[in-house]
PDB file of N, CA and C in Angstrom:
ATOM      1  N   UNK A   1     -17.228  13.492  38.732  1.00  0.00           N
ATOM      2  CA  UNK A   1     -15.959  13.830  38.315  1.00  0.00           C
ATOM      3  C   UNK A   1     -16.527  14.287  36.916  1.00  0.00           C
ATOM      4  N   UNK A   2     -15.836  15.088  36.142  1.00  0.00           N
ATOM      5  CA  UNK A   2     -16.206  15.763  34.995  1.00  0.00           C
ATOM      6  C   UNK A   2     -15.207  15.120  33.555  1.00  0.00           C
ATOM      7  N   UNK A   3     -15.855  14.563  32.706  1.00  0.00           N
ATOM      8  CA  UNK A   3     -14.813  14.233  31.581  1.00  0.00           C
ATOM      9  C   UNK A   3     -14.803  15.240  30.420  1.00  0.00           C
ATOM     10  N   UNK A   4     -13.576  15.369  30.115  1.00  0.00           N
ATOM     11  CA  UNK A   4     -13.435  16.292  29.167  1.00  0.00           C
ATOM     12  C   UNK A   4     -13.029  15.333  27.680  1.00  0.00           C
ATOM     13  N   UNK A   5     -13.823  16.073  26.671  1.00  0.00           N
ATOM     14  CA  UNK A   5     -13.845  15.382  25.407  1.00  0.00           C
ATOM     15  C   UNK A   5     -12.844  16.433  24.596  1.00  0.00           C
ATOM     16  N   UNK A   6     -11.889  15.866  23.790  1.00  0.00           N
ATOM     17  CA  UNK A   6     -11.288  16.394  22.756  1.00  0.00           C
ATOM     18  C   UNK A   6     -11.949  17.006  21.564  1.00  0.00           C
ATOM     19  N   UNK A   7     -12.050  18.100  21.448  1.00  0.00           N
ATOM     20  CA  UNK A   7     -12.801  18.584  20.180  1.00  0.00           C
ATOM     21  C   UNK A   7     -12.165  19.046  18.901  1.00  0.00           C
ATOM     22  N   UNK A   8     -10.932  18.694  19.073  1.00  0.00           N
ATOM     23  CA  UNK A   8     -10.071  19.203  17.678  1.00  0.00           C
ATOM     24  C   UNK A   8      -8.701  18.399  17.712  1.00  0.00           C
ATOM     25  N   UNK A   9      -8.170  18.134  16.510  1.00  0.00           N
ATOM     26  CA  UNK A   9      -7.212  17.243  16.315  1.00  0.00           C
ATOM     27  C   UNK A   9      -6.415  17.975  15.061  1.00  0.00           C
ATOM     28  N   UNK A  10      -5.059  17.885  15.258  1.00  0.00           N
ATOM     29  CA  UNK A  10      -4.179  18.288  14.208  1.00  0.00           C
ATOM     30  C   UNK A  10      -3.143  17.122  13.553  1.00  0.00           C
ATOM     31  N   UNK A  11      -3.244  16.860  12.204  1.00  0.00           N
ATOM     32  CA  UNK A  11      -2.410  16.008  11.860  1.00  0.00           C
ATOM     33  C   UNK A  11      -1.466  16.503  10.713  1.00  0.00           C
ATOM     34  N   UNK A  12      -0.034  16.276  10.962  1.00  0.00           N
ATOM     35  CA  UNK A  12       0.710  16.871  10.018  1.00  0.00           C
ATOM     36  C   UNK A  12       0.888  16.060   8.697  1.00  0.00           C
ATOM     37  N   UNK A  13       0.177  16.179   7.922  1.00  0.00           N
ATOM     38  CA  UNK A  13       0.150  15.239   6.630  1.00  0.00           C
ATOM     39  C   UNK A  13       1.486  15.465   5.912  1.00  0.00           C
ATOM     40  N   UNK A  14       2.092  16.567   5.663  1.00  0.00           N
ATOM     41  CA  UNK A  14       3.000  16.761   4.851  1.00  0.00           C
ATOM     42  C   UNK A  14       4.004  17.790   5.562  1.00  0.00           C
ATOM     43  N   UNK A  15       5.436  17.456   5.498  1.00  0.00           N
ATOM     44  CA  UNK A  15       6.447  18.611   6.237  1.00  0.00           C
ATOM     45  C   UNK A  15       7.606  18.129   5.692  1.00  0.00           C
ATOM     46  N   UNK A  16       8.031  19.112   4.596  1.00  0.00           N
ATOM     47  CA  UNK A  16       9.466  18.781   4.336  1.00  0.00           C
ATOM     48  C   UNK A  16       9.781  19.358   2.993  1.00  0.00           C
ATOM     49  N   UNK A  17      10.877  19.208   2.403  1.00  0.00           N
ATOM     50  CA  UNK A  17      11.629  19.822   1.348  1.00  0.00           C
ATOM     51  C   UNK A  17      11.612  19.038   0.153  1.00  0.00           C
ATOM     52  N   UNK A  18      11.200  19.336  -0.695  1.00  0.00           N
ATOM     53  CA  UNK A  18      11.273  18.520  -2.267  1.00  0.00           C
ATOM     54  C   UNK A  18      11.704  19.057  -3.296  1.00  0.00           C
ATOM     55  N   UNK A  19      12.318  18.193  -4.232  1.00  0.00           N
ATOM     56  CA  UNK A  19      12.505  18.585  -5.525  1.00  0.00           C
ATOM     57  C   UNK A  19      11.021  19.049  -6.220  1.00  0.00           C
ATOM     58  N   UNK A  20      11.218  19.366  -7.431  1.00  0.00           N
ATOM     59  CA  UNK A  20      10.055  19.910  -8.107  1.00  0.00           C
ATOM     60  C   UNK A  20       9.286  18.441  -8.539  1.00  0.00           C
ATOM     61  N   UNK A  21      10.080  17.545  -9.092  1.00  0.00           N
ATOM     62  CA  UNK A  21       9.052  16.340  -9.159  1.00  0.00           C
ATOM     63  C   UNK A  21       8.685  15.803  -8.123  1.00  0.00           C
ATOM     64  N   UNK A  22       9.385  15.759  -6.900  1.00  0.00           N
ATOM     65  CA  UNK A  22       8.683  14.911  -5.892  1.00  0.00           C
ATOM     66  C   UNK A  22       7.352  15.801  -5.250  1.00  0.00           C
ATOM     67  N   UNK A  23       7.482  17.089  -5.310  1.00  0.00           N
ATOM     68  CA  UNK A  23       6.539  18.137  -4.824  1.00  0.00           C
ATOM     69  C   UNK A  23       5.241  17.579  -5.684  1.00  0.00           C
ATOM     70  N   UNK A  24       5.569  17.763  -6.874  1.00  0.00           N
ATOM     71  CA  UNK A  24       4.257  17.389  -7.818  1.00  0.00           C
ATOM     72  C   UNK A  24       3.748  16.004  -7.651  1.00  0.00           C
ATOM     73  N   UNK A  25       4.704  15.160  -7.533  1.00  0.00           N
ATOM     74  CA  UNK A  25       4.013  13.795  -6.890  1.00  0.00           C
ATOM     75  C   UNK A  25       3.212  13.844  -5.838  1.00  0.00           C
ATOM     76  N   UNK A  26       3.733  14.561  -4.718  1.00  0.00           N
ATOM     77  CA  UNK A  26       3.022  14.630  -3.345  1.00  0.00           C
ATOM     78  C   UNK A  26       1.610  15.319  -3.556  1.00  0.00           C
ATOM     79  N   UNK A  27       1.683  16.481  -4.295  1.00  0.00           N
ATOM     80  CA  UNK A  27       0.401  17.279  -4.487  1.00  0.00           C
ATOM     81  C   UNK A  27      -0.674  16.514  -5.183  1.00  0.00           C
ATOM     82  N   UNK A  28      -0.013  15.965  -6.528  1.00  0.00           N
ATOM     83  CA  UNK A  28      -1.116  15.442  -7.304  1.00  0.00           C
ATOM     84  C   UNK A  28      -1.545  14.132  -6.706  1.00  0.00           C
ATOM     85  N   UNK A  29      -0.844  13.456  -5.949  1.00  0.00           N
ATOM     86  CA  UNK A  29      -1.284  12.285  -5.069  1.00  0.00           C
ATOM     87  C   UNK A  29      -2.584  12.514  -4.077  1.00  0.00           C
ATOM     88  N   UNK A  30      -2.148  13.696  -3.171  1.00  0.00           N
ATOM     89  CA  UNK A  30      -3.302  14.199  -2.072  1.00  0.00           C
ATOM     90  C   UNK A  30      -4.472  14.793  -3.051  1.00  0.00           C
ATOM     91  N   UNK A  31      -4.391  15.360  -3.913  1.00  0.00           N
ATOM     92  CA  UNK A  31      -5.519  15.876  -4.638  1.00  0.00           C
ATOM     93  C   UNK A  31      -6.360  14.796  -5.419  1.00  0.00           C
ATOM     94  N   UNK A  32      -5.304  13.882  -6.110  1.00  0.00           N
ATOM     95  CA  UNK A  32      -6.198  12.737  -6.554  1.00  0.00           C
ATOM     96  C   UNK A  32      -6.872  11.832  -5.665  1.00  0.00           C
ATOM     97  N   UNK A  33      -6.461  11.854  -4.468  1.00  0.00           N
ATOM     98  CA  UNK A  33      -7.104  10.901  -3.429  1.00  0.00           C
ATOM     99  C   UNK A  33      -8.633  11.773  -3.297  1.00  0.00           C
ATOM    100  N   UNK A  34      -8.428  12.981  -3.129  1.00  0.00           N
ATOM    101  CA  UNK A  34      -9.811  13.766  -2.642  1.00  0.00           C
ATOM    102  C   UNK A  34     -10.771  13.599  -3.824  1.00  0.00           C
ATOM    103  N   UNK A  35     -10.203  13.857  -4.988  1.00  0.00           N
ATOM    104  CA  UNK A  35     -11.076  13.699  -6.390  1.00  0.00           C
ATOM    105  C   UNK A  35     -11.749  12.292  -6.313  1.00  0.00           C
ATOM    106  N   UNK A  36     -10.995  11.133  -6.033  1.00  0.00           N
ATOM    107  CA  UNK A  36     -11.529   9.819  -6.117  1.00  0.00           C
ATOM    108  C   UNK A  36     -12.682   9.492  -4.748  1.00  0.00           C
ATOM    109  N   UNK A  37     -12.367  10.300  -3.814  1.00  0.00           N
ATOM    110  CA  UNK A  37     -13.291  10.494  -2.713  1.00  0.00           C
ATOM    111  C   UNK A  37     -14.750  11.047  -3.260  1.00  0.00           C
ATOM    112  N   UNK A  38     -14.579  11.969  -3.884  1.00  0.00           N
ATOM    113  CA  UNK A  38     -16.018  12.578  -4.277  1.00  0.00           C
ATOM    114  C   UNK A  38     -16.387  11.895  -5.277  1.00  0.00           C
ATOM    115  N   UNK A  39     -15.717  11.217  -6.384  1.00  0.00           N
ATOM    116  CA  UNK A  39     -16.299  10.247  -7.352  1.00  0.00           C
ATOM    117  C   UNK A  39     -16.904   9.217  -6.797  1.00  0.00           C
ATOM    118  N   UNK A  40     -16.506   8.406  -5.630  1.00  0.00           N
ATOM    119  CA  UNK A  40     -17.281   7.583  -5.024  1.00  0.00           C
ATOM    120  C   UNK A  40     -18.419   8.225  -4.386  1.00  0.00           C
ATOM    121  N   UNK A  41     -18.247   9.181  -3.638  1.00  0.00           N
ATOM    122  CA  UNK A  41     -19.425   9.769  -2.977  1.00  0.00           C
ATOM    123  C   UNK A  41     -20.507   9.974  -4.037  1.00  0.00           C
ATOM    124  N   UNK A  42     -20.240  10.447  -5.220  1.00  0.00           N
ATOM    125  CA  UNK A  42     -21.064  10.737  -6.355  1.00  0.00           C
ATOM    126  C   UNK A  42     -21.727   9.430  -6.790  1.00  0.00           C
ATOM    127  N   UNK A  43     -21.043   8.491  -6.911  1.00  0.00           N
ATOM    128  CA  UNK A  43     -21.475   7.002  -7.300  1.00  0.00           C
ATOM    129  C   UNK A  43     -22.561   6.581  -6.337  1.00  0.00           C
ATOM    130  N   UNK A  44     -22.180   6.717  -5.000  1.00  0.00           N
ATOM    131  CA  UNK A  44     -23.004   6.275  -3.892  1.00  0.00           C
ATOM    132  C   UNK A  44     -24.433   6.998  -3.944  1.00  0.00           C
ATOM    133  N   UNK A  45     -24.244   8.251  -3.986  1.00  0.00           N
ATOM    134  CA  UNK A  45     -25.509   9.021  -4.199  1.00  0.00           C
ATOM    135  C   UNK A  45     -26.280   8.536  -5.308  1.00  0.00           C
ATOM    136  N   UNK A  46     -25.974   8.241  -6.491  1.00  0.00           N
ATOM    137  CA  UNK A  46     -26.666   8.170  -7.763  1.00  0.00           C
ATOM    138  C   UNK A  46     -26.981   6.531  -7.706  1.00  0.00           C
ATOM    139  N   UNK A  47     -26.437   5.661  -6.806  1.00  0.00           N
ATOM    140  CA  UNK A  47     -26.909   4.357  -6.717  1.00  0.00           C
ATOM    141  C   UNK A  47     -28.433   4.077  -6.280  1.00  0.00           C
ATOM    142  N   UNK A  48     -29.138   3.493  -7.063  1.00  0.00           N
ATOM    143  CA  UNK A  48     -30.456   3.541  -6.962  1.00  0.00           C
ATOM    144  C   UNK A  48     -31.277   4.777  -7.219  1.00  0.00           C
ATOM    145  N   UNK A  49     -30.637   6.088  -7.476  1.00  0.00           N
ATOM    146  CA  UNK A  49     -31.288   7.136  -7.900  1.00  0.00           C
ATOM    147  C   UNK A  49     -30.664   7.960  -8.839  1.00  0.00           C
ATOM    148  N   UNK A  50     -30.930   7.506 -10.061  1.00  0.00           N
ATOM    149  CA  UNK A  50     -30.309   8.322 -11.015  1.00  0.00           C
ATOM    150  C   UNK A  50     -30.477   9.765 -11.175  1.00  0.00           C
ATOM    151  N   UNK A  51     -31.485  10.362 -10.359  1.00  0.00           N
ATOM    152  CA  UNK A  51     -31.624  11.882 -10.597  1.00  0.00           C
ATOM    153  C   UNK A  51     -31.174  12.471  -9.283  1.00  0.00           C
ATOM    154  N   UNK A  52     -30.286  11.804  -8.364  1.00  0.00           N
ATOM    155  CA  UNK A  52     -29.511  12.549  -7.430  1.00  0.00           C
ATOM    156  C   UNK A  52     -28.756  13.959  -7.875  1.00  0.00           C
ATOM    157  N   UNK A  53     -29.010  14.403  -6.603  1.00  0.00           N
ATOM    158  CA  UNK A  53     -28.162  15.774  -6.906  1.00  0.00           C
ATOM    159  C   UNK A  53     -26.780  15.713  -6.773  1.00  0.00           C
ATOM    160  N   UNK A  54     -25.716  15.763  -7.915  1.00  0.00           N
ATOM    161  CA  UNK A  54     -24.365  15.384  -7.552  1.00  0.00           C
ATOM    162  C   UNK A  54     -23.615  16.845  -7.840  1.00  0.00           C
ATOM    163  N   UNK A  55     -24.427  17.834  -7.801  1.00  0.00           N
ATOM    164  CA  UNK A  55     -23.890  19.250  -8.028  1.00  0.00           C
ATOM    165  C   UNK A  55     -22.472  19.302  -7.002  1.00  0.00           C
ATOM    166  N   UNK A  56     -22.547  19.230  -5.753  1.00  0.00           N
ATOM    167  CA  UNK A  56     -21.443  19.519  -4.697  1.00  0.00           C
ATOM    168  C   UNK A  56     -20.093  18.603  -5.274  1.00  0.00           C
ATOM    169  N   UNK A  57     -20.399  17.458  -5.348  1.00  0.00           N
ATOM    170  CA  UNK A  57     -19.124  16.522  -5.822  1.00  0.00           C
ATOM    171  C   UNK A  57     -18.907  16.713  -7.300  1.00  0.00           C
ATOM    172  N   UNK A  58     -19.664  16.892  -8.199  1.00  0.00           N
ATOM    173  CA  UNK A  58     -19.230  17.194  -9.448  1.00  0.00           C
ATOM    174  C   UNK A  58     -18.240  18.651  -9.429  1.00  0.00           C
ATOM    175  N   UNK A  59     -18.864  19.652  -8.682  1.00  0.00           N
ATOM    176  CA  UNK A  59     -18.206  20.900  -8.383  1.00  0.00           C
ATOM    177  C   UNK A  59     -16.695  20.872  -7.843  1.00  0.00           C
ATOM    178  N   UNK A  60     -16.637  20.155  -6.698  1.00  0.00           N
ATOM    179  CA  UNK A  60     -15.319  19.781  -6.032  1.00  0.00           C
ATOM    180  C   UNK A  60     -14.327  19.172  -6.877  1.00  0.00           C
ATOM    181  N   UNK A  61     -14.843  18.132  -7.546  1.00  0.00           N
ATOM    182  CA  UNK A  61     -13.993  17.581  -8.817  1.00  0.00           C
ATOM    183  C   UNK A  61     -13.470  18.271  -9.703  1.00  0.00           C
ATOM    184  N   UNK A  62     -14.222  19.185 -10.071  1.00  0.00           N
ATOM    185  CA  UNK A  62     -13.489  20.127 -11.044  1.00  0.00           C
ATOM    186  C   UNK A  62     -12.769  21.171 -10.503  1.00  0.00           C
ATOM    187  N   UNK A  63     -13.005  21.820  -9.249  1.00  0.00           N
ATOM    188  CA  UNK A  63     -12.060  22.774  -8.601  1.00  0.00           C
ATOM    189  C   UNK A  63     -10.691  21.816  -8.210  1.00  0.00           C
ATOM    190  N   UNK A  64     -10.838  20.669  -7.680  1.00  0.00           N
ATOM    191  CA  UNK A  64      -9.453  19.990  -7.494  1.00  0.00           C
ATOM    192  C   UNK A  64      -8.685  19.690  -8.673  1.00  0.00           C
ATOM    193  N   UNK A  65      -9.489  19.431  -9.929  1.00  0.00           N
ATOM    194  CA  UNK A  65      -8.846  19.318 -11.285  1.00  0.00           C
ATOM    195  C   UNK A  65      -8.054  20.381 -11.765  1.00  0.00           C
ATOM    196  N   UNK A  66      -8.474  21.438 -11.544  1.00  0.00           N
ATOM    197  CA  UNK A  66      -8.011  23.049 -11.752  1.00  0.00           C
ATOM    198  C   UNK A  66      -6.825  23.079 -10.904  1.00  0.00           C
ATOM    199  N   UNK A  67      -7.075  22.817  -9.456  1.00  0.00           N
ATOM    200  CA  UNK A  67      -5.868  23.082  -8.413  1.00  0.00           C
ATOM    201  C   UNK A  67      -4.620  22.200  -9.098  1.00  0.00           C
ATOM    202  N   UNK A  68      -4.930  21.152  -9.611  1.00  0.00           N
ATOM    203  CA  UNK A  68      -3.778  20.219 -10.063  1.00  0.00           C
ATOM    204  C   UNK A  68      -2.954  20.986 -11.220  1.00  0.00           C
ATOM    205  N   UNK A  69      -3.613  21.468 -11.919  1.00  0.00           N
ATOM    206  CA  UNK A  69      -3.311  22.189 -13.288  1.00  0.00           C
ATOM    207  C   UNK A  69      -2.347  23.391 -12.859  1.00  0.00           C
ATOM    208  N   UNK A  70      -2.924  24.204 -11.903  1.00  0.00           N
ATOM    209  CA  UNK A  70      -2.335  25.465 -11.488  1.00  0.00           C
ATOM    210  C   UNK A  70      -0.879  24.739 -10.698  1.00  0.00           C
ATOM    211  N   UNK A  71      -1.034  23.721 -10.034  1.00  0.00           N
ATOM    212  CA  UNK A  71       0.275  23.333  -9.228  1.00  0.00           C
ATOM    213  C   UNK A  71       1.153  22.869 -10.358  1.00  0.00           C
ATOM    214  N   UNK A  72       0.826  22.151 -11.459  1.00  0.00           N
ATOM    215  CA  UNK A  72       1.745  21.576 -12.459  1.00  0.00           C
ATOM    216  C   UNK A  72       2.567  22.819 -12.974  1.00  0.00           C
ATOM    217  N   UNK A  73       1.536  23.990 -13.355  1.00  0.00           N
ATOM    218  CA  UNK A  73       2.252  25.205 -13.898  1.00  0.00           C
ATOM    219  C   UNK A  73       3.007  25.884 -13.119  1.00  0.00           C
ATOM    220  N   UNK A  74       2.643  26.015 -11.677  1.00  0.00           N
ATOM    221  CA  UNK A  74       3.867  26.671 -10.674  1.00  0.00           C
ATOM    222  C   UNK A  74       5.025  25.887 -10.553  1.00  0.00           C
ATOM    223  N   UNK A  75       4.907  24.506 -10.397  1.00  0.00           N
ATOM    224  CA  UNK A  75       6.076  23.654 -10.282  1.00  0.00           C
ATOM    225  C   UNK A  75       6.862  23.796 -11.564  1.00  0.00           C
ATOM    226  N   UNK A  76       6.352  23.819 -12.720  1.00  0.00           N
ATOM    227  CA  UNK A  76       7.163  23.635 -14.170  1.00  0.00           C
ATOM    228  C   UNK A  76       8.116  24.848 -13.795  1.00  0.00           C
ATOM    229  N   UNK A  77       7.626  26.336 -13.509  1.00  0.00           N
ATOM    230  CA  UNK A  77       8.398  27.153 -13.470  1.00  0.00           C
ATOM    231  C   UNK A  77       9.694  26.869 -12.316  1.00  0.00           C
ATOM    232  N   UNK A  78       9.248  26.480 -11.079  1.00  0.00           N
ATOM    233  CA  UNK A  78      10.183  26.068 -10.288  1.00  0.00           C
ATOM    234  C   UNK A  78      11.410  25.192 -10.602  1.00  0.00           C
ATOM    235  N   UNK A  79      10.776  24.142 -11.451  1.00  0.00           N
ATOM    236  CA  UNK A  79      11.828  23.093 -11.939  1.00  0.00           C
ATOM    237  C   UNK A  79      12.850  23.743 -12.805  1.00  0.00           C
ATOM    238  N   UNK A  80      12.195  24.624 -13.650  1.00  0.00           N
ATOM    239  CA  UNK A  80      13.259  25.330 -14.657  1.00  0.00           C
ATOM    240  C   UNK A  80      14.292  26.121 -14.068  1.00  0.00           C
ATOM    241  N   UNK A  81      14.201  26.561 -12.726  1.00  0.00           N
ATOM    242  CA  UNK A  81      14.959  27.415 -11.925  1.00  0.00           C
ATOM    243  C   UNK A  81      15.844  26.395 -11.030  1.00  0.00           C
ATOM    244  N   UNK A  82      15.530  24.906 -11.023  1.00  0.00           N
ATOM    245  CA  UNK A  82      16.311  24.287 -10.236  1.00  0.00           C
ATOM    246  C   UNK A  82      16.284  24.429  -8.808  1.00  0.00           C
ATOM    247  N   UNK A  83      15.279  24.820  -8.218  1.00  0.00           N
ATOM    248  CA  UNK A  83      14.889  25.180  -6.873  1.00  0.00           C
ATOM    249  C   UNK A  83      13.920  24.089  -6.432  1.00  0.00           C
ATOM    250  N   UNK A  84      14.080  24.187  -4.975  1.00  0.00           N
ATOM    251  CA  UNK A  84      13.351  22.968  -4.301  1.00  0.00           C
ATOM    252  C   UNK A  84      11.931  23.567  -3.802  1.00  0.00           C
ATOM    253  N   UNK A  85      11.385  23.093  -3.194  1.00  0.00           N
ATOM    254  CA  UNK A  85       9.831  23.426  -2.565  1.00  0.00           C
ATOM    255  C   UNK A  85       9.776  22.949  -1.347  1.00  0.00           C
ATOM    256  N   UNK A  86       9.325  23.691  -0.243  1.00  0.00           N
ATOM    257  CA  UNK A  86       8.952  23.479   1.064  1.00  0.00           C
ATOM    258  C   UNK A  86       7.080  23.223   1.116  1.00  0.00           C
ATOM    259  N   UNK A  87       6.761  22.045   1.429  1.00  0.00           N
ATOM    260  CA  UNK A  87       5.563  21.914   1.791  1.00  0.00           C
ATOM    261  C   UNK A  87       5.040  21.238   3.196  1.00  0.00           C
ATOM    262  N   UNK A  88       4.275  22.321   3.539  1.00  0.00           N
ATOM    263  CA  UNK A  88       3.622  22.145   4.975  1.00  0.00           C
ATOM    264  C   UNK A  88       2.237  21.910   4.997  1.00  0.00           C
ATOM    265  N   UNK A  89       1.926  20.732   5.169  1.00  0.00           N
ATOM    266  CA  UNK A  89       0.472  20.431   5.042  1.00  0.00           C
ATOM    267  C   UNK A  89      -0.183  19.878   6.347  1.00  0.00           C
ATOM    268  N   UNK A  90      -1.070  20.757   7.168  1.00  0.00           N
ATOM    269  CA  UNK A  90      -1.369  20.348   8.323  1.00  0.00           C
ATOM    270  C   UNK A  90      -3.134  20.422   8.155  1.00  0.00           C
ATOM    271  N   UNK A  91      -3.494  19.050   8.558  1.00  0.00           N
ATOM    272  CA  UNK A  91      -4.803  18.753   8.461  1.00  0.00           C
ATOM    273  C   UNK A  91      -5.525  19.191  10.004  1.00  0.00           C
ATOM    274  N   UNK A  92      -6.683  20.176   9.673  1.00  0.00           N
ATOM    275  CA  UNK A  92      -7.174  20.756  11.124  1.00  0.00           C
ATOM    276  C   UNK A  92      -8.666  19.906  11.170  1.00  0.00           C
ATOM    277  N   UNK A  93      -8.787  19.249  12.281  1.00  0.00           N
ATOM    278  CA  UNK A  93     -10.130  18.516  12.569  1.00  0.00           C
ATOM    279  C   UNK A  93     -10.685  19.154  13.622  1.00  0.00           C
ATOM    280  N   UNK A  94     -11.957  19.758  13.633  1.00  0.00           N
ATOM    281  CA  UNK A  94     -12.574  20.384  14.778  1.00  0.00           C
ATOM    282  C   UNK A  94     -14.136  19.766  14.603  1.00  0.00           C
ATOM    283  N   UNK A  95     -14.482  19.527  15.888  1.00  0.00           N
ATOM    284  CA  UNK A  95     -15.880  19.040  16.313  1.00  0.00           C
ATOM    285  C   UNK A  95     -16.915  20.191  15.858  1.00  0.00           C
ATOM    286  N   UNK A  96     -18.052  19.841  15.088  1.00  0.00           N
ATOM    287  CA  UNK A  96     -18.770  20.995  14.764  1.00  0.00           C
ATOM    288  C   UNK A  96     -20.090  20.700  15.825  1.00  0.00           C
ATOM    289  N   UNK A  97     -20.506  21.824  16.389  1.00  0.00           N
ATOM    290  CA  UNK A  97     -21.496  21.838  17.313  1.00  0.00           C
ATOM    291  C   UNK A  97     -22.906  21.904  16.889  1.00  0.00           C
TER     292      UNK A  97
END
Protein backbone atom coordinates (compact mmCIF):
# COMPACT_ATOMS: atom_id res chain seq x y z
CA UNK A 1 0.00 0.00 0.00
CA UNK A 2 1.25 3.47 -0.89
CA UNK A 3 1.16 6.29 1.67
CA UNK A 4 0.46 9.80 0.42
CA UNK A 5 2.07 12.68 2.26
CA UNK A 6 0.50 16.13 2.07
CA UNK A 7 3.13 18.57 0.81
CA UNK A 8 1.28 21.84 1.04
CA UNK A 9 -1.16 23.68 3.25
CA UNK A 10 -3.09 26.94 3.11
CA UNK A 11 -4.10 28.86 6.20
CA UNK A 12 -6.56 31.73 5.95
CA UNK A 13 -4.99 34.16 8.40
CA UNK A 14 -7.19 37.17 7.72
CA UNK A 15 -10.35 37.49 5.68
CA UNK A 16 -12.67 40.39 6.17
CA UNK A 17 -13.70 43.99 5.80
CA UNK A 18 -12.26 46.46 8.28
CA UNK A 19 -12.39 50.11 9.23
CA UNK A 20 -9.13 51.96 8.71
CA UNK A 21 -8.30 51.69 12.43
CA UNK A 22 -9.09 47.98 12.56
CA UNK A 23 -7.07 47.31 9.40
CA UNK A 24 -4.07 49.17 10.80
CA UNK A 25 -4.32 47.16 14.03
CA UNK A 26 -4.46 43.85 12.12
CA UNK A 27 -1.58 44.73 9.79
CA UNK A 28 0.71 46.16 12.45
CA UNK A 29 0.01 43.23 14.79
CA UNK A 30 0.95 40.69 12.13
CA UNK A 31 4.07 42.59 11.07
CA UNK A 32 5.15 43.21 14.68
CA UNK A 33 4.89 39.47 15.40
CA UNK A 34 7.19 38.78 12.46
CA UNK A 35 9.60 41.51 13.61
CA UNK A 36 9.67 39.95 17.09
CA UNK A 37 10.39 36.55 15.53
CA UNK A 38 13.44 37.96 13.75
CA UNK A 39 14.62 39.77 16.90
CA UNK A 40 14.46 36.50 18.85
CA UNK A 41 16.21 34.69 15.99
CA UNK A 42 18.98 37.31 16.02
CA UNK A 43 19.33 37.02 19.79
CA UNK A 44 19.58 33.23 19.58
CA UNK A 45 22.26 33.45 16.91
CA UNK A 46 24.28 35.91 19.02
CA UNK A 47 24.00 33.88 22.21
CA UNK A 48 27.51 32.63 22.86
CA UNK A 49 28.76 34.11 19.57
CA UNK A 50 29.02 37.88 19.60
CA UNK A 51 30.38 37.80 16.05
CA UNK A 52 27.39 35.94 14.58
CA UNK A 53 26.25 37.11 11.16
CA UNK A 54 22.86 38.72 11.75
CA UNK A 55 22.62 40.42 8.36
CA UNK A 56 19.49 38.50 7.34
CA UNK A 57 17.34 39.14 10.44
CA UNK A 58 18.59 42.74 10.62
CA UNK A 59 17.56 43.31 7.02
CA UNK A 60 14.16 41.65 7.45
CA UNK A 61 13.44 43.74 10.57
CA UNK A 62 14.19 46.93 8.62
CA UNK A 63 12.04 45.78 5.67
CA UNK A 64 9.10 44.95 7.91
CA UNK A 65 9.38 48.24 9.79
CA UNK A 66 9.27 50.04 6.41
CA UNK A 67 6.18 48.02 5.47
CA UNK A 68 4.46 49.19 8.67
CA UNK A 69 5.21 52.81 7.74
CA UNK A 70 3.91 52.28 4.19
CA UNK A 71 0.72 50.71 5.56
CA UNK A 72 0.23 53.61 8.00
CA UNK A 73 0.54 56.15 5.19
CA UNK A 74 -1.83 54.23 2.91
CA UNK A 75 -4.42 53.68 5.62
CA UNK A 76 -4.21 57.32 6.71
CA UNK A 77 -5.46 58.32 3.25
CA UNK A 78 -8.24 55.74 3.41
CA UNK A 79 -9.27 56.95 6.86
CA UNK A 80 -9.70 60.50 5.55
CA UNK A 81 -12.06 59.19 2.87
CA UNK A 82 -14.04 57.19 5.44
CA UNK A 83 -13.71 53.97 3.44
CA UNK A 84 -13.33 50.38 4.61
CA UNK A 85 -10.53 48.01 3.68
CA UNK A 86 -10.73 44.38 2.65
CA UNK A 87 -7.87 42.20 3.86
CA UNK A 88 -7.33 38.73 2.46
CA UNK A 89 -4.26 37.11 3.96
CA UNK A 90 -3.47 33.54 3.03
CA UNK A 91 -0.42 31.75 4.36
CA UNK A 92 0.81 29.19 1.81
CA UNK A 93 3.03 26.45 3.23
CA UNK A 94 4.84 24.03 0.93
CA UNK A 95 7.31 21.25 1.52
CA UNK A 96 10.79 22.01 0.17
CA UNK A 97 12.45 19.23 -1.72
